[in-house]
Amino acid sequence: QQSNVTSYGATTLAIISLEAFAGMWINAFLVCVLCIAWVKKKTLNSNEKILLLLGCSRFWHLCISWVYSFLSIIYPNYLYVHTIIQLIVSFQTFLNYSHLWFSACLCVFYCIKIANFRNRFFIYLKVKIDRIVPWLLLGSGILASAVSIIIYDLAETDSNNLNFTCLGNFLEASVRMDKHFFSSFFLMGFGYAASFMAVIFSAVFLLFSLWRHKRKMQTNSRNNLSMDAHIRAMKSILSFLVMYSINFICLILTIIYVNKNENTMILLISIYLNAFPGVHSLILIFGNPKLEKALLKIL
């Protein structure tokens, strides 16, 4: 039985390590290309600012997740040290929320920048979007920090009730079903739902704008360019919508299986959660002509 547990842990660590390092490489590439462009141009546009912060948050999220996986399997006793587990949980929460909300900011930016509506408020947002983006990013960071502080306090309260597994994410901890457990999952659910709604509304508005534009489309080049911009943005938002929907389902499944010791199901959830930051960043890279060209040049 001990041999089976060791083999299971080694397999789990190998899968998570492969996903983590692949995702870290992808996001490191994204950050490096944008930083080089920043140095050359001395400035970044709003889209590049969001992608830069998104790449940074995902890189460190994968890094912290891998460290947790490594410690939980190779040196599990270190995770029972009170301060260490609090810090890991807090950092994971902050980085997880940051990259999800930065992604939602990217979808909102695409929607406002590309969609065409005659509403005065929407026109105002379109004109001011470049000034609004830094505040959106700052607000996302502040909210993620606030939630991570709350989770830190909850982790301190529940520190005597934690029995950690070896799957590399604090969501997979076997926690006693009490009010603190539900409080932490309520916070996670609220954070996911808030950004999920932003993505859904962005997709709906952009799809409606695309439908209206197609009805009025003429055969001149300007309209064709606008149509292409709509379609590129829709591909990016819909890809994130699909992946985010699965991510939200994984949260619900985690709540269901976290106390049932369903190792196979939790492993599958963990595999997806670790693959999400890398796969979506890769989609964003191939959706950006400059980033795609740089990646193909390196390959």
Protein backbone atom coordinates (compact mmCIF):
# COMPACT_ATOMS: atom_id res chain seq x y z
CA GLN A 1 0.00 0.00 0.00
CA GLN A 2 2.88 2.36 0.84
CA SER A 3 4.40 1.55 -2.55
CA ASN A 4 1.14 2.44 -4.30
CA VAL A 5 0.92 5.75 -2.45
CA THR A 6 4.52 6.59 -3.37
CA SER A 7 3.91 5.69 -7.01
CA TYR A 8 0.70 7.76 -7.07
CA GLY A 9 2.51 10.74 -5.55
CA ALA A 10 5.38 10.48 -8.02
CA THR A 11 2.98 10.31 -10.97
CA THR A 12 1.02 13.27 -9.67
CA LEU A 13 4.17 15.34 -9.16
CA ALA A 14 5.44 14.46 -12.65
CA ILE A 15 2.17 15.53 -14.33
CA ILE A 16 1.88 18.76 -12.36
CA SER A 17 5.56 19.58 -12.90
CA LEU A 18 5.20 19.10 -16.65
CA GLU A 19 2.16 21.37 -16.78
CA ALA A 20 3.67 23.95 -14.44
CA PHE A 21 6.98 24.28 -16.29
CA ALA A 22 5.27 24.39 -19.68
CA GLY A 23 2.89 27.10 -18.45
CA MET A 24 5.73 29.03 -16.81
CA TRP A 25 7.72 28.97 -20.07
CA ILE A 26 4.74 30.21 -22.07
CA ASN A 27 3.99 33.06 -19.67
CA ALA A 28 7.67 33.93 -19.29
CA PHE A 29 7.87 34.25 -23.07
CA LEU A 30 4.80 36.51 -23.04
CA VAL A 31 6.32 38.74 -20.35
CA CYS A 32 9.76 38.90 -22.01
CA VAL A 33 8.39 39.90 -25.42
CA LEU A 34 6.24 42.63 -23.89
CA CYS A 35 9.11 43.92 -21.73
CA ILE A 36 11.39 44.11 -24.80
CA ALA A 37 8.68 46.03 -26.66
CA TRP A 38 8.30 48.30 -23.61
CA VAL A 39 12.03 49.10 -23.62
CA LYS A 40 12.03 49.80 -27.36
CA LYS A 41 8.88 51.92 -27.49
CA LYS A 42 9.20 53.43 -23.99
CA THR A 43 5.48 52.80 -23.55
CA LEU A 44 2.82 50.08 -23.69
CA ASN A 45 -0.74 50.29 -24.94
CA SER A 46 -3.63 49.17 -22.74
CA ASN A 47 -3.85 45.71 -24.28
CA GLU A 48 -0.14 45.09 -23.64
CA LYS A 49 -0.39 46.33 -20.04
CA ILE A 50 -3.11 43.80 -19.30
CA LEU A 51 -1.21 40.98 -21.01
CA LEU A 52 1.98 41.88 -19.12
CA LEU A 53 0.31 41.72 -15.69
CA LEU A 54 -1.62 38.63 -16.73
CA GLY A 55 1.59 36.85 -17.76
CA CYS A 56 3.38 37.84 -14.53
CA SER A 57 0.52 36.69 -12.28
CA ARG A 58 0.18 33.38 -14.10
CA PHE A 59 3.93 32.71 -14.03
CA TRP A 60 4.11 33.16 -10.25
CA HIS A 61 0.83 31.32 -9.71
CA LEU A 62 2.23 28.25 -11.46
CA CYS A 63 5.51 28.64 -9.60
CA ILE A 64 3.82 28.72 -6.16
CA SER A 65 1.53 25.82 -7.13
CA TRP A 66 4.52 23.71 -8.14
CA VAL A 67 6.38 24.53 -4.90
CA TYR A 68 3.32 23.46 -2.93
CA SER A 69 3.06 20.23 -4.94
CA PHE A 70 6.74 19.48 -4.40
CA LEU A 71 6.57 20.09 -0.66
CA SER A 72 3.31 18.17 -0.19
CA ILE A 73 4.75 15.06 -1.87
CA ILE A 74 8.48 15.14 -1.05
CA TYR A 75 8.52 17.05 2.25
CA PRO A 76 4.92 16.98 3.55
CA ASN A 77 5.95 17.77 7.13
CA TYR A 78 6.94 21.29 6.08
CA LEU A 79 3.31 22.04 5.27
CA TYR A 80 2.27 21.45 8.87
CA VAL A 81 4.35 24.44 9.93
CA HIS A 82 1.78 27.06 10.80
CA THR A 83 3.17 30.15 9.04
CA ILE A 84 4.30 28.34 5.86
CA ILE A 85 0.88 26.96 4.98
CA GLN A 86 -0.77 30.31 5.69
CA LEU A 87 1.63 32.10 3.36
CA ILE A 88 1.23 29.52 0.59
CA VAL A 89 -2.56 29.65 0.79
CA SER A 90 -2.52 33.46 0.84
CA PHE A 91 -0.13 33.80 -2.12
CA GLN A 92 -2.02 31.21 -4.15
CA THR A 93 -5.29 33.01 -3.50
CA PHE A 94 -3.84 36.39 -4.49
CA LEU A 95 -2.22 35.12 -7.70
CA ASN A 96 -5.21 32.97 -8.68
CA TYR A 97 -7.65 35.85 -8.27
CA SER A 98 -5.28 38.27 -9.98
CA HIS A 99 -4.87 36.25 -13.18
CA LEU A 100 -8.61 35.51 -13.38
CA TRP A 101 -9.61 39.14 -12.93
CA PHE A 102 -6.88 40.39 -15.27
CA SER A 103 -8.32 38.00 -17.87
CA ALA A 104 -11.77 39.44 -17.24
CA CYS A 105 -10.31 42.96 -17.68
CA LEU A 106 -8.88 41.86 -21.03
CA CYS A 107 -12.30 40.64 -22.18
CA VAL A 108 -13.97 43.89 -21.08
CA PHE A 109 -11.26 45.88 -22.88
CA TYR A 110 -11.82 43.95 -26.13
CA CYS A 111 -15.57 44.46 -25.84
CA ILE A 112 -15.40 48.23 -25.26
CA LYS A 113 -12.64 48.83 -27.79
CA ILE A 114 -14.16 46.86 -30.67
CA ALA A 115 -17.94 46.77 -30.17
CA ASN A 116 -19.99 49.53 -31.80
CA PHE A 117 -22.99 50.96 -29.95
CA ARG A 118 -24.56 54.42 -30.05
CA ASN A 119 -25.25 54.54 -26.33
CA ARG A 120 -23.71 57.66 -24.75
CA PHE A 121 -22.29 55.79 -21.80
CA PHE A 122 -20.70 53.20 -24.07
CA ILE A 123 -19.20 55.93 -26.27
CA TYR A 124 -17.81 57.59 -23.15
CA LEU A 125 -16.20 54.29 -22.09
CA LYS A 126 -14.74 53.80 -25.55
CA VAL A 127 -13.13 57.26 -25.45
CA LYS A 128 -11.84 56.88 -21.89
CA ILE A 129 -10.94 53.17 -21.94
CA ASP A 130 -7.18 53.76 -22.06
CA ARG A 131 -7.44 55.82 -18.88
CA ILE A 132 -9.82 53.36 -17.25
CA VAL A 133 -7.65 50.25 -17.78
CA PRO A 134 -4.97 51.17 -15.17
CA TRP A 135 -7.72 51.71 -12.60
CA LEU A 136 -9.32 48.37 -13.49
CA LEU A 137 -5.99 46.63 -13.02
CA LEU A 138 -5.34 48.44 -9.76
CA GLY A 139 -8.82 47.59 -8.48
CA SER A 140 -8.31 43.93 -9.40
CA GLY A 141 -5.02 43.86 -7.50
CA ILE A 142 -6.54 45.51 -4.43
CA LEU A 143 -9.51 43.12 -4.37
CA ALA A 144 -7.23 40.11 -4.80
CA SER A 145 -5.07 41.39 -1.91
CA ALA A 146 -8.12 41.88 0.31
CA VAL A 147 -9.41 38.36 -0.38
CA SER A 148 -5.96 36.83 0.20
CA ILE A 149 -5.74 38.58 3.60
CA ILE A 150 -9.14 37.18 4.57
CA ILE A 151 -8.11 33.70 3.42
CA TYR A 152 -4.89 34.09 5.46
CA ASP A 153 -6.97 34.71 8.59
CA LEU A 154 -9.27 31.79 7.80
CA ALA A 155 -6.26 29.54 7.27
CA GLU A 156 -5.01 30.58 10.71
CA THR A 157 -8.39 29.73 12.23
CA ASP A 158 -8.53 26.34 10.51
CA SER A 159 -4.84 25.45 10.86
CA ASN A 160 -5.62 22.71 13.40
CA ASN A 161 -8.18 21.13 11.06
CA LEU A 162 -6.07 20.86 7.90
CA ASN A 163 -5.03 17.50 6.49
CA PHE A 164 -3.32 18.30 3.22
CA THR A 165 -3.23 16.03 0.23
CA CYS A 166 -0.51 15.85 -2.41
CA LEU A 167 -2.19 17.48 -5.40
CA GLY A 168 -0.58 20.88 -5.44
CA ASN A 169 -3.46 23.24 -4.75
CA PHE A 170 -4.93 24.52 -1.52
CA LEU A 171 -8.43 23.82 -2.90
CA GLU A 172 -7.71 20.11 -2.47
CA ALA A 173 -7.16 20.31 1.28
CA SER A 174 -9.33 18.01 3.37
CA VAL A 175 -10.97 20.54 5.68
CA ARG A 176 -13.56 20.01 8.38
CA MET A 177 -17.00 21.10 7.13
CA ASP A 178 -17.53 24.12 9.36
CA LYS A 179 -18.40 27.78 8.91
CA HIS A 180 -14.79 28.73 8.12
CA PHE A 181 -14.62 26.18 5.33
CA PHE A 182 -17.81 27.51 3.77
CA SER A 183 -16.61 31.09 4.23
CA SER A 184 -13.44 30.42 2.26
CA PHE A 185 -15.31 28.67 -0.54
CA PHE A 186 -17.92 31.43 -0.58
CA LEU A 187 -15.14 33.98 -1.14
CA MET A 188 -13.62 31.86 -3.91
CA GLY A 189 -17.02 31.36 -5.50
CA PHE A 190 -17.79 35.07 -5.34
CA GLY A 191 -14.48 35.94 -6.98
CA TYR A 192 -14.99 33.41 -9.75
CA ALA A 193 -18.60 34.45 -10.32
CA ALA A 194 -17.81 38.18 -10.49
CA SER A 195 -15.15 37.77 -13.18
CA PHE A 196 -17.22 35.09 -14.93
CA MET A 197 -20.14 37.50 -15.27
CA ALA A 198 -17.81 40.15 -16.74
CA VAL A 199 -16.65 37.66 -19.37
CA ILE A 200 -20.21 36.57 -20.18
CA PHE A 201 -21.47 40.14 -20.62
CA SER A 202 -18.43 41.01 -22.75
CA ALA A 203 -19.08 38.02 -25.01
CA VAL A 204 -22.80 38.81 -25.33
CA PHE A 205 -22.25 42.50 -26.14
CA LEU A 206 -19.49 41.74 -28.62
CA LEU A 207 -21.58 39.03 -30.29
CA PHE A 208 -24.54 41.40 -30.57
CA SER A 209 -22.27 44.10 -32.02
CA LEU A 210 -20.88 41.60 -34.53
CA TRP A 211 -24.41 40.61 -35.57
CA ARG A 212 -25.45 44.27 -36.05
CA HIS A 213 -22.27 45.03 -37.95
CA LYS A 214 -22.76 42.05 -40.24
CA ARG A 215 -26.25 43.26 -41.14
CA LYS A 216 -24.95 46.70 -42.08
CA MET A 217 -21.70 45.52 -43.60
CA GLN A 218 -20.74 46.82 -47.01
CA THR A 219 -18.00 45.54 -49.25
CA ASN A 220 -15.50 48.32 -48.53
CA SER A 221 -12.20 47.56 -46.78
CA ARG A 222 -12.97 49.53 -43.63
CA ASN A 223 -15.93 47.35 -42.80
CA ASN A 224 -13.95 44.23 -43.60
CA LEU A 225 -11.22 45.32 -41.18
CA SER A 226 -13.82 46.00 -38.51
CA MET A 227 -15.34 42.57 -39.15
CA ASP A 228 -11.93 40.92 -38.75
CA ALA A 229 -11.37 42.76 -35.46
CA HIS A 230 -14.75 41.58 -34.19
CA ILE A 231 -14.00 37.98 -35.11
CA ARG A 232 -10.50 37.98 -33.55
CA ALA A 233 -11.86 39.43 -30.31
CA MET A 234 -14.74 36.94 -30.28
CA LYS A 235 -12.33 34.01 -30.66
CA SER A 236 -10.29 35.21 -27.72
CA ILE A 237 -13.30 35.89 -25.48
CA LEU A 238 -15.13 32.68 -26.40
CA SER A 239 -12.00 30.59 -25.77
CA PHE A 240 -11.72 32.13 -22.32
CA LEU A 241 -15.47 31.72 -21.74
CA VAL A 242 -15.29 27.98 -22.47
CA MET A 243 -12.17 27.46 -20.33
CA TYR A 244 -13.52 29.63 -17.53
CA SER A 245 -16.79 27.67 -17.51
CA ILE A 246 -14.82 24.46 -16.99
CA ASN A 247 -12.79 26.24 -14.31
CA PHE A 248 -16.00 27.21 -12.49
CA ILE A 249 -17.26 23.62 -12.70
CA CYS A 250 -13.95 22.46 -11.20
CA LEU A 251 -14.57 24.73 -8.21
CA ILE A 252 -18.00 23.14 -7.67
CA LEU A 253 -16.55 19.62 -8.03
CA THR A 254 -13.82 20.50 -5.53
CA ILE A 255 -16.45 21.46 -2.97
CA ILE A 256 -18.24 18.15 -3.61
CA TYR A 257 -15.22 15.83 -3.57
CA VAL A 258 -12.90 17.60 -1.13
CA ASN A 259 -14.11 15.51 1.86
CA LYS A 260 -14.67 12.22 0.02
CA ASN A 261 -11.01 11.30 -0.61
CA GLU A 262 -11.76 10.82 -4.31
CA ASN A 263 -8.12 10.93 -5.42
CA THR A 264 -8.83 10.26 -9.09
CA MET A 265 -11.39 13.05 -9.43
CA ILE A 266 -9.25 15.51 -7.45
CA LEU A 267 -6.26 14.61 -9.63
CA LEU A 268 -8.26 15.36 -12.80
CA ILE A 269 -9.40 18.68 -11.34
CA SER A 270 -5.82 19.53 -10.37
CA ILE A 271 -4.56 18.69 -13.88
CA TYR A 272 -7.03 21.10 -15.45
CA LEU A 273 -6.43 23.88 -12.92
CA ASN A 274 -2.69 23.70 -13.57
CA ALA A 275 -3.13 23.52 -17.36
CA PHE A 276 -5.51 26.48 -17.58
CA PRO A 277 -2.96 29.36 -17.12
CA GLY A 278 -0.61 27.99 -19.77
CA VAL A 279 -3.17 26.93 -22.36
CA HIS A 280 -5.13 30.19 -22.26
CA SER A 281 -1.93 32.27 -22.47
CA LEU A 282 -0.94 30.22 -25.52
CA ILE A 283 -4.31 31.01 -27.11
CA LEU A 284 -3.74 34.72 -26.43
CA ILE A 285 -0.28 34.52 -28.01
CA PHE A 286 -1.62 32.96 -31.22
CA GLY A 287 -4.41 35.55 -31.23
CA ASN A 288 -1.86 38.39 -31.28
CA PRO A 289 0.05 38.70 -34.60
CA LYS A 290 3.16 40.25 -32.98
CA LEU A 291 3.40 37.65 -30.23
CA GLU A 292 2.68 34.81 -32.67
CA LYS A 293 5.43 36.02 -35.00
CA ALA A 294 7.93 36.23 -32.14
CA LEU A 295 7.02 32.73 -30.90
CA LEU A 296 7.32 31.15 -34.34
CA LYS A 297 10.65 32.92 -34.85
CA ILE A 298 12.02 31.43 -31.61
CA LEU A 299 10.68 27.96 -32.43
